[in-house]
Protein backbone atom coordinates (compact mmCIF):
# COMPACT_ATOMS: atom_id res chain seq x y z
CA UNK A 1 29.90 -41.21 -15.20
CA UNK A 2 26.27 -41.94 -16.32
CA UNK A 3 25.04 -39.81 -13.30
CA UNK A 4 27.09 -37.06 -14.04
CA UNK A 5 25.84 -36.37 -17.41
CA UNK A 6 22.36 -36.61 -16.13
CA UNK A 7 23.19 -34.02 -13.69
CA UNK A 8 24.59 -31.67 -16.25
CA UNK A 9 21.52 -31.91 -18.47
CA UNK A 10 19.07 -31.21 -15.66
CA UNK A 11 21.07 -28.34 -14.67
CA UNK A 12 21.10 -26.80 -18.21
CA UNK A 13 17.35 -27.36 -18.62
CA UNK A 14 16.54 -25.81 -15.12
CA UNK A 15 18.61 -22.84 -16.12
CA UNK A 16 17.11 -22.20 -19.35
CA UNK A 17 13.64 -22.34 -17.88
CA UNK A 18 14.44 -20.11 -15.00
CA UNK A 19 15.39 -17.28 -17.30
CA UNK A 20 12.44 -16.75 -19.27
CA UNK A 21 12.24 -13.25 -20.79
CA UNK A 22 8.99 -12.04 -19.57
CA UNK A 23 5.86 -13.96 -18.29
CA UNK A 24 2.40 -13.47 -19.59
CA UNK A 25 -0.54 -13.69 -17.33
CA UNK A 26 -4.15 -14.19 -17.90
CA UNK A 27 -6.64 -12.98 -15.18
CA UNK A 28 -10.18 -13.77 -14.82
CA UNK A 29 -12.15 -10.63 -13.72
CA UNK A 30 -15.14 -11.53 -11.41
CA UNK A 31 -17.82 -8.91 -11.15
CA UNK A 32 -21.33 -8.50 -10.01
CA UNK A 33 -23.41 -5.89 -11.80
CA UNK A 34 -20.51 -4.09 -13.02
CA UNK A 35 -18.56 -3.95 -9.72
CA UNK A 36 -15.00 -5.65 -9.84
CA UNK A 37 -14.27 -7.99 -7.10
CA UNK A 38 -11.42 -6.77 -4.96
CA UNK A 39 -9.58 -10.12 -5.28
CA UNK A 40 -9.40 -9.71 -8.84
CA UNK A 41 -8.09 -6.23 -8.74
CA UNK A 42 -5.34 -7.67 -6.45
CA UNK A 43 -4.64 -10.41 -9.12
CA UNK A 44 -4.10 -7.74 -11.76
CA UNK A 45 -1.73 -5.98 -9.63
CA UNK A 46 0.39 -9.13 -8.87
CA UNK A 47 0.44 -9.88 -12.47
CA UNK A 48 1.49 -6.45 -13.52
CA UNK A 49 4.54 -6.89 -10.92
CA UNK A 50 5.74 -9.74 -12.87
CA UNK A 51 6.56 -7.55 -15.62
CA UNK A 52 5.10 -9.33 -18.68
CA UNK A 53 1.71 -8.73 -20.47
CA UNK A 54 -1.57 -8.93 -18.52
CA UNK A 55 -4.55 -10.17 -20.24
CA UNK A 56 -8.03 -9.57 -18.55
CA UNK A 57 -11.02 -11.95 -19.20
CA UNK A 58 -14.53 -10.65 -18.48
CA UNK A 59 -17.57 -12.56 -18.83
CA UNK A 60 -20.96 -10.91 -18.88
CA UNK A 61 -23.92 -9.31 -20.69
CA UNK A 62 -22.99 -6.52 -23.07
CA UNK A 63 -24.05 -3.95 -20.98
CA UNK A 64 -21.94 -5.01 -18.22
CA UNK A 65 -18.62 -6.13 -19.86
CA UNK A 66 -17.71 -2.50 -21.24
CA UNK A 67 -18.13 -1.03 -17.83
CA UNK A 68 -16.07 -3.45 -16.19
CA UNK A 69 -13.12 -3.31 -18.82
CA UNK A 70 -13.16 0.59 -18.22
CA UNK A 71 -12.85 0.08 -14.56
CA UNK A 72 -10.02 -2.28 -15.01
CA UNK A 73 -7.89 -0.34 -17.19
CA UNK A 74 -7.54 2.18 -14.51
């Protein structure tokens, strides 16, 4: 009887976890002198296919970050 209850509890937790509404993704955008790395663009594309919101993180100097953000929006 005890093992049947633990199975039912695990099943309920798994089902609730697997039906999350929409995943969110944080993507680190790697760039060199304002040119975005192709693997970062692939990561953005994959994150968009998940269907949730995608947030990009860009680190760099103020003269480079704005250019990278504009390129990533396209």
